[in-house]
Amino acid sequence: MGDHLQVERDPDGVAWVTIDRPEARNALSRPLNLDLTRLAGALGADPDVRAVVLTGSGDKAFCAGADLKERKGVSAADTGAYVDAISGAINAWARLPRPTLALMNGSAFGGGMELALACDFRIAVEGAQMALTEVRLGIMPGAGGTQRLPRLIGVARAKELILLGRRIDAARALEIGLVMQVAAREGLRDAAAAVLAELAGCAPRSVEMSKQAIERGIEVGIDEGLRIERACYEVTLFTEDRNEGLRAFAEKRSPRYTGR
């Protein structure tokens, strides 16, 4: 889709999406933001998509954030719309109903880090640098960083990274729970495949409803959260996969889930 997004579909229902702007460290340009938004919508509406992997081309950057060369030409009057396009693309990825994995093949700064935060899982290549450095540029994170990072790693550590504009490497990101795994470059895709294999053993509708319960429930009090959980749970009760899961358990075999 577009000139700077490559999409591969595998037989297991996984969409592998690559940001293909290595000459610009996969930075978020206006056309790329639009393509990311459109693609997220298309993938979310496709019932055959069971998971999405997002990565960058080359070995330098997952995504360097906003395209600063392009940004220099944006007037003060147009700045709001420019930021809205970036946050719109990132929020579109956060709203994907199926599980998403950011396969961080290199550094992630600013909007690129916020894009990774919008995914459910993050795996980083060894040595990758990541940061929300906006305060060092006279601005602040504006595409979800101040909201998603504290929810992921806690308020105190998020303040360290955001208020100080501090860079960390993949090893430190693993220590604080920002990424789930660090892998050597030659093993990066295999690391993603292992996570996808685990997902393949789970009922797609159950995963989708669990994700929805977590994301909707974390925004409200516990009583309302429990009501959300129950509503999502009841959706899974009337699926073919629930019956398949029970049969497989009784027959002591692996379930064959279809997403229905």
Protein backbone atom coordinates (compact mmCIF):
# COMPACT_ATOMS: atom_id res chain seq x y z
CA MET A 1 0.00 0.00 0.00
CA GLY A 2 1.54 3.31 -1.05
CA ASP A 3 5.15 3.83 -2.00
CA HIS A 4 6.58 3.36 1.47
CA LEU A 5 4.69 0.42 2.95
CA GLN A 6 5.31 -3.19 1.97
CA VAL A 7 2.72 -5.77 3.03
CA GLU A 8 3.11 -9.54 2.98
CA ARG A 9 0.39 -11.99 4.00
CA ASP A 10 1.31 -15.48 5.12
CA PRO A 11 -0.95 -18.55 5.07
CA ASP A 12 -1.50 -18.33 8.83
CA GLY A 13 -3.26 -14.96 8.60
CA VAL A 14 -0.32 -12.82 9.66
CA ALA A 15 0.24 -9.50 7.89
CA TRP A 16 3.91 -8.49 7.83
CA VAL A 17 4.11 -4.72 7.29
CA THR A 18 7.42 -2.98 6.54
CA ILE A 19 7.95 0.78 6.58
CA ASP A 20 10.17 1.20 3.54
CA ARG A 21 11.92 4.56 3.78
CA PRO A 22 15.46 3.52 4.72
CA GLU A 23 16.94 6.67 3.16
CA ALA A 24 14.97 8.70 5.75
CA ARG A 25 15.34 6.21 8.61
CA ASN A 26 11.71 5.23 8.02
CA ALA A 27 10.52 8.63 9.24
CA LEU A 28 6.83 9.50 9.32
CA SER A 29 6.13 11.65 6.27
CA ARG A 30 2.69 12.96 5.35
CA PRO A 31 2.10 10.28 2.69
CA LEU A 32 3.33 7.56 5.05
CA ASN A 33 1.00 8.73 7.83
CA LEU A 34 -1.93 8.53 5.45
CA ASP A 35 -0.90 5.07 4.24
CA LEU A 36 -0.46 3.80 7.81
CA THR A 37 -3.91 5.07 8.73
CA ARG A 38 -5.55 3.50 5.69
CA LEU A 39 -3.74 0.20 6.11
CA ALA A 40 -4.66 -0.09 9.79
CA GLY A 41 -8.30 0.38 8.85
CA ALA A 42 -8.10 -2.22 6.08
CA LEU A 43 -6.35 -4.79 8.27
CA GLY A 44 -8.74 -4.22 11.14
CA ALA A 45 -11.72 -4.82 8.86
CA ASP A 46 -10.29 -8.01 7.35
CA PRO A 47 -11.54 -11.09 9.25
CA ASP A 48 -8.76 -13.22 7.74
CA VAL A 49 -6.04 -11.19 9.52
CA ARG A 50 -5.14 -12.87 12.81
CA ALA A 51 -2.08 -10.79 13.74
CA VAL A 52 0.01 -7.92 12.39
CA VAL A 53 3.78 -7.44 12.55
CA LEU A 54 5.16 -3.95 11.93
CA THR A 55 8.85 -3.40 11.22
CA GLY A 56 11.17 -1.05 9.35
CA SER A 57 13.46 -1.59 6.40
CA GLY A 58 17.23 -1.52 6.72
CA ASP A 59 19.27 -2.01 9.87
CA LYS A 60 19.42 1.54 11.22
CA ALA A 61 15.94 2.48 12.34
CA PHE A 62 12.55 1.04 13.11
CA CYS A 63 11.19 4.57 12.76
CA ALA A 64 12.96 7.87 13.44
CA GLY A 65 9.74 9.72 14.19
CA ALA A 66 8.49 12.75 12.29
CA ASP A 67 10.27 13.59 9.08
CA LEU A 68 12.23 16.62 10.28
CA LYS A 69 13.14 17.76 6.76
CA GLU A 70 9.46 17.85 5.89
CA ARG A 71 8.62 19.37 9.28
CA LYS A 72 10.82 22.41 8.58
CA GLY A 73 8.47 23.44 5.79
CA VAL A 74 5.34 23.29 7.94
CA SER A 75 4.01 26.70 8.97
CA ALA A 76 2.89 27.47 12.52
CA ALA A 77 -0.69 27.55 11.29
CA ASP A 78 -0.37 24.05 9.81
CA THR A 79 1.44 22.49 12.77
CA GLY A 80 -1.73 21.24 14.44
CA ALA A 81 -2.89 19.40 11.33
CA TYR A 82 0.61 17.99 10.83
CA VAL A 83 0.70 16.55 14.36
CA ASP A 84 -2.88 15.30 13.99
CA ALA A 85 -1.83 13.26 10.96
CA ILE A 86 0.94 11.55 12.94
CA SER A 87 -1.20 10.90 16.00
CA GLY A 88 -4.05 9.75 13.75
CA ALA A 89 -1.83 7.12 12.15
CA ILE A 90 -0.52 5.93 15.50
CA ASN A 91 -3.98 5.83 17.08
CA ALA A 92 -5.24 3.83 14.11
CA TRP A 93 -2.64 1.16 14.89
CA ALA A 94 -3.56 1.24 18.57
CA ARG A 95 -7.20 0.56 17.61
CA LEU A 96 -6.45 -2.56 15.57
CA PRO A 97 -8.61 -5.31 17.10
CA ARG A 98 -6.14 -8.12 16.43
CA PRO A 99 -2.77 -8.44 18.22
CA THR A 100 0.07 -6.32 16.87
CA LEU A 101 3.82 -6.74 17.26
CA ALA A 102 6.41 -4.03 16.68
CA LEU A 103 9.53 -5.79 15.41
CA MET A 104 12.04 -3.06 16.16
CA ASN A 105 14.88 -3.62 13.70
CA GLY A 106 16.67 -0.45 14.81
CA SER A 107 16.26 2.81 16.68
CA ALA A 108 12.90 4.35 17.55
CA PHE A 109 12.63 8.00 18.49
CA GLY A 110 9.74 10.39 19.03
CA GLY A 111 6.80 9.40 16.88
CA GLY A 112 8.57 6.17 15.99
CA MET A 113 8.67 5.21 19.66
CA GLU A 114 5.04 6.21 20.00
CA LEU A 115 4.18 3.97 17.05
CA ALA A 116 5.89 1.04 18.79
CA LEU A 117 3.99 1.85 21.99
CA ALA A 118 0.72 1.60 20.06
CA CYS A 119 1.44 -2.08 19.39
CA ASP A 120 0.63 -4.88 21.82
CA PHE A 121 4.09 -6.47 21.80
CA ARG A 122 7.58 -5.15 21.12
CA ILE A 123 10.71 -7.10 20.22
CA ALA A 124 13.91 -5.12 19.73
CA VAL A 125 17.14 -5.92 17.98
CA GLU A 126 20.24 -5.93 20.17
CA GLY A 127 21.68 -2.45 20.63
CA ALA A 128 18.61 -0.59 19.36
CA GLN A 129 18.29 2.91 20.83
CA MET A 130 14.92 4.35 21.78
CA ALA A 131 13.67 7.56 23.32
CA LEU A 132 11.06 10.25 23.52
CA THR A 133 13.39 13.24 23.18
CA GLU A 134 10.83 15.93 22.36
CA VAL A 135 11.58 18.04 25.47
CA ARG A 136 15.11 18.49 24.13
CA LEU A 137 13.60 20.02 20.99
CA GLY A 138 11.38 22.47 22.82
CA ILE A 139 8.18 20.46 22.42
CA MET A 140 6.73 17.35 24.07
CA PRO A 141 5.41 13.95 22.96
CA GLY A 142 2.14 14.56 21.16
CA ALA A 143 1.13 11.22 19.65
CA GLY A 144 0.34 9.18 22.74
CA GLY A 145 3.74 8.93 24.42
CA THR A 146 2.76 10.66 27.65
CA GLN A 147 -0.25 8.35 27.98
CA ARG A 148 0.87 4.95 26.73
CA LEU A 149 4.37 4.87 28.23
CA PRO A 150 3.24 5.37 31.88
CA ARG A 151 0.58 2.72 31.41
CA LEU A 152 3.23 0.34 30.16
CA ILE A 153 6.19 0.89 32.49
CA GLY A 154 4.76 2.98 35.34
CA VAL A 155 4.67 6.69 36.04
CA ALA A 156 8.07 7.07 37.71
CA ARG A 157 10.07 5.40 34.92
CA ALA A 158 8.02 7.12 32.25
CA LYS A 159 8.87 10.48 33.80
CA GLU A 160 12.56 9.59 33.73
CA LEU A 161 12.39 8.97 30.01
CA ILE A 162 9.98 11.74 29.01
CA LEU A 163 10.94 14.63 31.30
CA LEU A 164 14.66 14.07 30.82
CA GLY A 165 14.45 13.09 27.16
CA ARG A 166 16.63 10.14 28.12
CA ARG A 167 17.80 7.55 25.58
CA ILE A 168 17.96 3.90 26.52
CA ASP A 169 19.14 0.81 24.68
CA ALA A 170 17.30 -2.43 24.04
CA ALA A 171 18.79 -4.14 27.10
CA ARG A 172 17.51 -1.42 29.43
CA ALA A 173 14.16 -1.42 27.63
CA LEU A 174 13.85 -5.12 28.41
CA GLU A 175 14.69 -4.53 32.08
CA ILE A 176 11.90 -2.00 32.53
CA GLY A 177 9.30 -3.88 30.50
CA LEU A 178 9.27 -1.57 27.50
CA VAL A 179 10.03 -4.51 25.19
CA MET A 180 9.22 -8.17 25.75
CA GLN A 181 12.37 -9.57 24.16
CA VAL A 182 15.73 -8.59 22.67
CA ALA A 183 17.12 -10.62 19.78
CA ALA A 184 20.22 -10.69 17.61
CA ARG A 185 19.60 -9.26 14.17
CA GLU A 186 19.82 -12.64 12.47
CA GLY A 187 17.25 -14.03 14.91
CA LEU A 188 14.81 -11.13 14.86
CA ARG A 189 12.24 -12.66 12.53
CA ASP A 190 12.49 -16.01 14.30
CA ALA A 191 11.73 -14.27 17.60
CA ALA A 192 8.59 -12.78 16.06
CA ALA A 193 7.64 -16.16 14.59
CA ALA A 194 7.86 -17.77 18.03
CA VAL A 195 5.39 -15.24 19.47
CA LEU A 196 3.11 -15.73 16.47
CA ALA A 197 3.24 -19.49 17.01
CA GLU A 198 2.02 -18.98 20.56
CA LEU A 199 -0.81 -16.79 19.29
CA ALA A 200 -1.73 -19.46 16.75
CA GLY A 201 -2.52 -21.78 19.65
CA CYS A 202 -5.07 -19.30 21.02
CA ALA A 203 -8.60 -18.73 19.76
CA PRO A 204 -8.56 -15.52 17.67
CA ARG A 205 -11.90 -14.24 18.98
CA SER A 206 -10.82 -14.89 22.54
CA VAL A 207 -7.60 -12.94 21.98
CA GLU A 208 -9.53 -10.07 20.41
CA MET A 209 -12.03 -9.90 23.27
CA SER A 210 -9.26 -10.11 25.88
CA LYS A 211 -7.43 -7.24 24.22
CA GLN A 212 -10.62 -5.20 24.15
CA ALA A 213 -11.34 -5.90 27.82
CA ILE A 214 -7.84 -4.83 28.85
CA GLU A 215 -7.80 -1.64 26.82
CA ARG A 216 -11.30 -0.51 27.69
CA GLY A 217 -11.06 -1.63 31.30
CA ILE A 218 -7.83 0.15 32.13
CA GLU A 219 -9.50 3.51 31.51
CA VAL A 220 -12.29 3.04 34.08
CA GLY A 221 -12.83 2.01 37.70
CA ILE A 222 -12.69 -1.64 38.73
CA ASP A 223 -16.46 -2.14 38.87
CA GLU A 224 -16.98 -0.82 35.35
CA GLY A 225 -13.90 -2.76 34.24
CA LEU A 226 -15.45 -5.97 35.52
CA ARG A 227 -18.64 -5.23 33.61
CA ILE A 228 -16.60 -4.72 30.44
CA GLU A 229 -14.77 -7.99 31.06
CA ARG A 230 -18.04 -9.87 31.51
CA ALA A 231 -19.50 -8.43 28.31
CA CYS A 232 -16.40 -9.44 26.35
CA TYR A 233 -16.40 -12.88 27.99
CA GLU A 234 -19.97 -13.51 26.94
CA VAL A 235 -19.03 -12.89 23.31
CA THR A 236 -16.65 -15.86 23.48
CA LEU A 237 -19.35 -18.17 24.86
CA PHE A 238 -21.19 -18.37 21.56
CA THR A 239 -18.32 -19.14 19.22
CA GLU A 240 -17.41 -22.31 17.38
CA ASP A 241 -13.89 -21.97 18.78
CA ARG A 242 -15.18 -22.30 22.36
CA ASN A 243 -16.75 -25.64 21.49
CA GLU A 244 -13.58 -26.69 19.67
CA GLY A 245 -11.48 -25.76 22.70
CA LEU A 246 -13.64 -27.90 24.98
CA ARG A 247 -13.55 -30.84 22.55
CA ALA A 248 -9.80 -30.61 22.16
CA PHE A 249 -9.31 -30.55 25.92
CA ALA A 250 -11.53 -33.62 26.37
CA GLU A 251 -9.81 -35.46 23.51
CA LYS A 252 -6.33 -34.46 24.74
CA ARG A 253 -5.28 -32.87 21.43
CA SER A 254 -4.34 -29.43 20.17
CA PRO A 255 -7.33 -27.30 19.20
CA ARG A 256 -7.91 -26.27 15.59
CA TYR A 257 -9.24 -22.75 15.87
CA THR A 258 -10.87 -20.98 12.94
CA GLY A 259 -11.74 -17.59 14.39
CA ARG A 260 -15.45 -18.32 14.31
